[in-house]
Amino acid sequence: MTQEEKRIMLAKYAFSQIPDQKWVLVKLLPDYFNDLNAVHELEKVLTKEQREEYAMVLVHHISGGGLATVDGYTNYDDACDVITVTAALRAEVLGITLNLWT
């Protein structure tokens, strides 16, 4: 799946979760893979369970495949690295967490 196809999948998900949001899809598709603000808007609609899964998958990716738990991270450095994760990785992990792609 191309990055553009993934952007469309994320936008469709966003529109299904935030029906009154102000994005104009036909004029501007949010650039989830390059815009931290756009990807953060998607992060805000996650359920508690989705946020926990999202956090675990993020830590798994930034730790090179290490294990994370819901109650905490396996490594303090990995937990600190979460705050600097790029928009591209956040968008990728959101798609995985939401089962939009594998």
N, C-alpha and C. Protein backbone atom coordinates (compact mmCIF):
# COMPACT_ATOMS: atom_id res chain seq x y z
N MET A 1 0.85 -1.17 0.00
CA MET A 1 0.00 0.00 0.00
C MET A 1 0.90 1.24 0.00
N THR A 2 0.61 2.19 -0.86
CA THR A 2 1.43 3.39 -0.92
C THR A 2 1.09 4.32 0.24
N GLN A 3 1.99 5.28 0.48
CA GLN A 3 1.75 6.25 1.55
C GLN A 3 0.49 7.08 1.25
N GLU A 4 0.27 7.43 -0.01
CA GLU A 4 -0.92 8.19 -0.38
C GLU A 4 -2.20 7.39 -0.09
N GLU A 5 -2.18 6.10 -0.38
CA GLU A 5 -3.34 5.25 -0.08
C GLU A 5 -3.57 5.17 1.43
N LYS A 6 -2.48 5.13 2.19
CA LYS A 6 -2.59 5.11 3.64
C LYS A 6 -3.16 6.43 4.16
N ARG A 7 -2.74 7.56 3.57
CA ARG A 7 -3.29 8.86 3.97
C ARG A 7 -4.80 8.88 3.76
N ILE A 8 -5.25 8.33 2.66
CA ILE A 8 -6.68 8.29 2.36
C ILE A 8 -7.41 7.43 3.38
N MET A 9 -6.84 6.28 3.72
CA MET A 9 -7.46 5.40 4.72
C MET A 9 -7.58 6.11 6.07
N LEU A 10 -6.51 6.82 6.48
CA LEU A 10 -6.55 7.55 7.74
C LEU A 10 -7.59 8.67 7.70
N ALA A 11 -7.69 9.37 6.57
CA ALA A 11 -8.67 10.45 6.43
C ALA A 11 -10.09 9.89 6.51
N LYS A 12 -10.33 8.76 5.86
CA LYS A 12 -11.66 8.13 5.92
C LYS A 12 -11.99 7.76 7.36
N TYR A 13 -11.02 7.24 8.09
CA TYR A 13 -11.25 6.90 9.50
C TYR A 13 -11.58 8.17 10.28
N ALA A 14 -10.80 9.23 10.07
CA ALA A 14 -11.03 10.48 10.78
C ALA A 14 -12.43 11.01 10.53
N PHE A 15 -12.86 10.98 9.28
CA PHE A 15 -14.20 11.47 8.95
C PHE A 15 -15.28 10.62 9.59
N SER A 16 -15.03 9.33 9.77
CA SER A 16 -16.03 8.47 10.40
C SER A 16 -16.11 8.72 11.90
N GLN A 17 -15.04 9.24 12.51
CA GLN A 17 -14.99 9.46 13.95
C GLN A 17 -15.33 10.89 14.35
N ILE A 18 -15.09 11.85 13.46
CA ILE A 18 -15.28 13.26 13.77
C ILE A 18 -16.16 13.88 12.69
N PRO A 19 -17.47 13.61 12.72
CA PRO A 19 -18.33 14.07 11.63
C PRO A 19 -18.43 15.59 11.50
N ASP A 20 -18.18 16.33 12.57
CA ASP A 20 -18.30 17.78 12.49
C ASP A 20 -16.96 18.49 12.32
N GLN A 21 -15.90 17.73 12.05
CA GLN A 21 -14.60 18.36 11.93
C GLN A 21 -14.55 19.24 10.69
N LYS A 22 -13.58 20.12 10.63
CA LYS A 22 -13.55 21.18 9.64
C LYS A 22 -12.66 20.90 8.43
N TRP A 23 -12.04 19.73 8.34
CA TRP A 23 -11.18 19.44 7.20
C TRP A 23 -12.02 19.37 5.93
N VAL A 24 -11.46 19.83 4.84
CA VAL A 24 -12.12 19.75 3.54
C VAL A 24 -11.35 18.73 2.71
N LEU A 25 -11.87 17.52 2.66
CA LEU A 25 -11.15 16.41 2.05
C LEU A 25 -10.86 16.64 0.57
N VAL A 26 -11.81 17.19 -0.15
CA VAL A 26 -11.59 17.35 -1.59
C VAL A 26 -10.54 18.41 -1.90
N LYS A 27 -10.33 19.37 -1.02
CA LYS A 27 -9.35 20.42 -1.26
C LYS A 27 -7.99 20.09 -0.65
N LEU A 28 -8.01 19.49 0.53
CA LEU A 28 -6.75 19.24 1.22
C LEU A 28 -6.85 17.97 2.05
N LEU A 29 -6.16 16.96 1.63
CA LEU A 29 -6.09 15.73 2.41
C LEU A 29 -5.02 15.93 3.48
N PRO A 30 -5.37 15.77 4.75
CA PRO A 30 -4.36 15.96 5.80
C PRO A 30 -3.12 15.11 5.53
N ASP A 31 -1.97 15.72 5.73
CA ASP A 31 -0.70 15.05 5.46
C ASP A 31 -0.21 14.37 6.73
N TYR A 32 -0.88 13.29 7.10
CA TYR A 32 -0.60 12.61 8.36
C TYR A 32 0.86 12.17 8.49
N PHE A 33 1.50 11.87 7.39
CA PHE A 33 2.87 11.34 7.44
C PHE A 33 3.93 12.43 7.58
N ASN A 34 3.52 13.70 7.47
CA ASN A 34 4.48 14.80 7.60
C ASN A 34 4.03 15.90 8.55
N ASP A 35 2.82 15.84 9.06
CA ASP A 35 2.26 16.91 9.88
C ASP A 35 1.86 16.36 11.25
N LEU A 36 2.64 16.71 12.27
CA LEU A 36 2.35 16.23 13.62
C LEU A 36 0.98 16.70 14.11
N ASN A 37 0.55 17.90 13.72
CA ASN A 37 -0.76 18.39 14.14
C ASN A 37 -1.87 17.52 13.57
N ALA A 38 -1.76 17.15 12.31
CA ALA A 38 -2.79 16.32 11.67
C ALA A 38 -2.87 14.95 12.34
N VAL A 39 -1.72 14.33 12.57
CA VAL A 39 -1.73 13.00 13.18
C VAL A 39 -2.20 13.08 14.63
N HIS A 40 -1.92 14.19 15.30
CA HIS A 40 -2.38 14.36 16.68
C HIS A 40 -3.90 14.42 16.75
N GLU A 41 -4.54 15.01 15.75
CA GLU A 41 -6.00 15.03 15.73
C GLU A 41 -6.57 13.62 15.70
N LEU A 42 -5.89 12.72 15.01
CA LEU A 42 -6.33 11.31 15.00
C LEU A 42 -6.07 10.65 16.35
N GLU A 43 -4.94 10.97 16.95
CA GLU A 43 -4.62 10.38 18.26
C GLU A 43 -5.69 10.74 19.29
N LYS A 44 -6.26 11.92 19.19
CA LYS A 44 -7.24 12.38 20.17
C LYS A 44 -8.55 11.61 20.14
N VAL A 45 -8.86 10.92 19.04
CA VAL A 45 -10.13 10.20 18.96
C VAL A 45 -10.00 8.72 19.35
N LEU A 46 -8.80 8.28 19.70
CA LEU A 46 -8.61 6.89 20.10
C LEU A 46 -9.31 6.61 21.42
N THR A 47 -9.87 5.42 21.53
CA THR A 47 -10.42 4.98 22.81
C THR A 47 -9.26 4.66 23.76
N LYS A 48 -9.57 4.45 25.03
CA LYS A 48 -8.53 4.09 26.00
C LYS A 48 -7.79 2.83 25.56
N GLU A 49 -8.54 1.84 25.12
CA GLU A 49 -7.92 0.58 24.69
C GLU A 49 -7.05 0.80 23.45
N GLN A 50 -7.53 1.62 22.51
CA GLN A 50 -6.75 1.91 21.32
C GLN A 50 -5.48 2.68 21.67
N ARG A 51 -5.57 3.62 22.63
CA ARG A 51 -4.38 4.38 23.05
C ARG A 51 -3.34 3.44 23.66
N GLU A 52 -3.79 2.48 24.47
CA GLU A 52 -2.86 1.53 25.07
C GLU A 52 -2.17 0.70 24.00
N GLU A 53 -2.95 0.21 23.04
CA GLU A 53 -2.37 -0.57 21.94
C GLU A 53 -1.41 0.29 21.11
N TYR A 54 -1.82 1.50 20.82
CA TYR A 54 -1.01 2.43 20.05
C TYR A 54 0.34 2.68 20.75
N ALA A 55 0.29 2.92 22.05
CA ALA A 55 1.52 3.15 22.81
C ALA A 55 2.43 1.93 22.77
N MET A 56 1.85 0.75 22.93
CA MET A 56 2.66 -0.47 22.90
C MET A 56 3.31 -0.69 21.53
N VAL A 57 2.55 -0.45 20.47
CA VAL A 57 3.11 -0.64 19.12
C VAL A 57 4.19 0.41 18.83
N LEU A 58 3.98 1.65 19.28
CA LEU A 58 5.01 2.68 19.11
C LEU A 58 6.30 2.27 19.80
N VAL A 59 6.20 1.87 21.05
CA VAL A 59 7.40 1.47 21.80
C VAL A 59 8.05 0.27 21.13
N HIS A 60 7.24 -0.67 20.67
CA HIS A 60 7.78 -1.84 19.98
C HIS A 60 8.61 -1.41 18.77
N HIS A 61 8.12 -0.46 17.99
CA HIS A 61 8.84 0.00 16.80
C HIS A 61 10.11 0.77 17.15
N ILE A 62 10.04 1.66 18.14
CA ILE A 62 11.22 2.47 18.44
C ILE A 62 12.27 1.70 19.21
N SER A 63 11.88 0.58 19.83
CA SER A 63 12.85 -0.20 20.61
C SER A 63 13.46 -1.33 19.79
N GLY A 64 13.14 -1.35 18.50
CA GLY A 64 13.70 -2.41 17.66
C GLY A 64 13.05 -3.75 17.92
N GLY A 65 11.79 -3.73 18.32
CA GLY A 65 11.08 -4.99 18.52
C GLY A 65 10.98 -5.43 19.95
N GLY A 66 11.40 -4.57 20.89
CA GLY A 66 11.28 -4.91 22.30
C GLY A 66 9.83 -4.97 22.74
N LEU A 67 9.59 -5.58 23.85
CA LEU A 67 8.23 -5.73 24.35
C LEU A 67 7.85 -4.55 25.22
N ALA A 68 6.60 -4.14 25.14
CA ALA A 68 6.06 -3.11 26.01
C ALA A 68 4.85 -3.68 26.72
N THR A 69 4.51 -3.08 27.84
CA THR A 69 3.32 -3.51 28.56
C THR A 69 2.38 -2.33 28.73
N VAL A 70 1.13 -2.61 29.00
CA VAL A 70 0.16 -1.55 29.20
C VAL A 70 0.51 -0.72 30.43
N ASP A 71 1.02 -1.38 31.46
CA ASP A 71 1.31 -0.69 32.73
C ASP A 71 2.59 0.11 32.71
N GLY A 72 3.45 -0.12 31.75
CA GLY A 72 4.71 0.61 31.71
C GLY A 72 5.55 0.16 30.55
N TYR A 73 6.63 0.83 30.36
CA TYR A 73 7.54 0.48 29.27
C TYR A 73 8.65 -0.40 29.82
N THR A 74 9.22 -1.20 28.95
CA THR A 74 10.28 -2.09 29.38
C THR A 74 11.58 -1.34 29.61
N ASN A 75 11.69 -0.14 29.07
CA ASN A 75 12.95 0.58 29.10
C ASN A 75 12.65 2.08 29.18
N TYR A 76 13.27 2.77 30.12
CA TYR A 76 13.02 4.21 30.29
C TYR A 76 13.38 4.99 29.04
N ASP A 77 14.47 4.63 28.37
CA ASP A 77 14.88 5.33 27.16
C ASP A 77 13.82 5.21 26.07
N ASP A 78 13.22 4.03 25.94
CA ASP A 78 12.15 3.85 24.95
C ASP A 78 10.96 4.74 25.27
N ALA A 79 10.62 4.84 26.56
CA ALA A 79 9.50 5.69 26.96
C ALA A 79 9.80 7.15 26.61
N CYS A 80 11.01 7.58 26.84
CA CYS A 80 11.39 8.96 26.52
C CYS A 80 11.40 9.20 25.02
N ASP A 81 11.79 8.20 24.24
CA ASP A 81 11.84 8.34 22.79
C ASP A 81 10.46 8.53 22.18
N VAL A 82 9.41 8.11 22.86
CA VAL A 82 8.06 8.25 22.33
C VAL A 82 7.74 9.71 22.04
N ILE A 83 8.23 10.64 22.84
CA ILE A 83 7.88 12.04 22.64
C ILE A 83 8.50 12.64 21.39
N THR A 84 9.49 11.97 20.81
CA THR A 84 10.12 12.50 19.60
C THR A 84 9.80 11.69 18.35
N VAL A 85 8.83 10.82 18.43
CA VAL A 85 8.46 9.99 17.28
C VAL A 85 7.93 10.88 16.16
N THR A 86 8.37 10.63 14.96
CA THR A 86 7.98 11.43 13.80
C THR A 86 6.52 11.24 13.45
N ALA A 87 6.00 12.19 12.71
CA ALA A 87 4.61 12.09 12.21
C ALA A 87 4.47 10.84 11.35
N ALA A 88 5.48 10.53 10.55
CA ALA A 88 5.40 9.36 9.67
C ALA A 88 5.23 8.07 10.47
N LEU A 89 6.02 7.91 11.52
CA LEU A 89 5.90 6.68 12.33
C LEU A 89 4.59 6.66 13.09
N ARG A 90 4.17 7.80 13.62
CA ARG A 90 2.88 7.87 14.32
C ARG A 90 1.74 7.47 13.39
N ALA A 91 1.75 8.00 12.16
CA ALA A 91 0.69 7.69 11.20
C ALA A 91 0.71 6.21 10.84
N GLU A 92 1.90 5.67 10.63
CA GLU A 92 2.03 4.25 10.29
C GLU A 92 1.47 3.38 11.41
N VAL A 93 1.85 3.68 12.65
CA VAL A 93 1.42 2.91 13.80
C VAL A 93 -0.08 3.09 14.05
N LEU A 94 -0.61 4.28 13.80
CA LEU A 94 -2.05 4.48 13.94
C LEU A 94 -2.81 3.57 12.97
N GLY A 95 -2.34 3.50 11.73
CA GLY A 95 -2.99 2.62 10.76
C GLY A 95 -2.96 1.18 11.19
N ILE A 96 -1.84 0.74 11.75
CA ILE A 96 -1.71 -0.63 12.25
C ILE A 96 -2.65 -0.84 13.44
N THR A 97 -2.64 0.11 14.38
CA THR A 97 -3.48 0.00 15.57
C THR A 97 -4.96 -0.05 15.22
N LEU A 98 -5.36 0.70 14.21
CA LEU A 98 -6.77 0.76 13.81
C LEU A 98 -7.14 -0.31 12.81
N ASN A 99 -6.19 -1.22 12.54
CA ASN A 99 -6.41 -2.30 11.57
C ASN A 99 -6.78 -1.80 10.19
N LEU A 100 -6.20 -0.66 9.81
CA LEU A 100 -6.44 -0.14 8.47
C LEU A 100 -5.48 -0.78 7.46
N TRP A 101 -4.35 -1.27 7.95
CA TRP A 101 -3.39 -2.03 7.17
C TRP A 101 -2.52 -2.82 8.13
N THR A 102 -1.69 -3.72 7.58
CA THR A 102 -0.83 -4.56 8.44
C THR A 102 0.61 -4.13 8.33
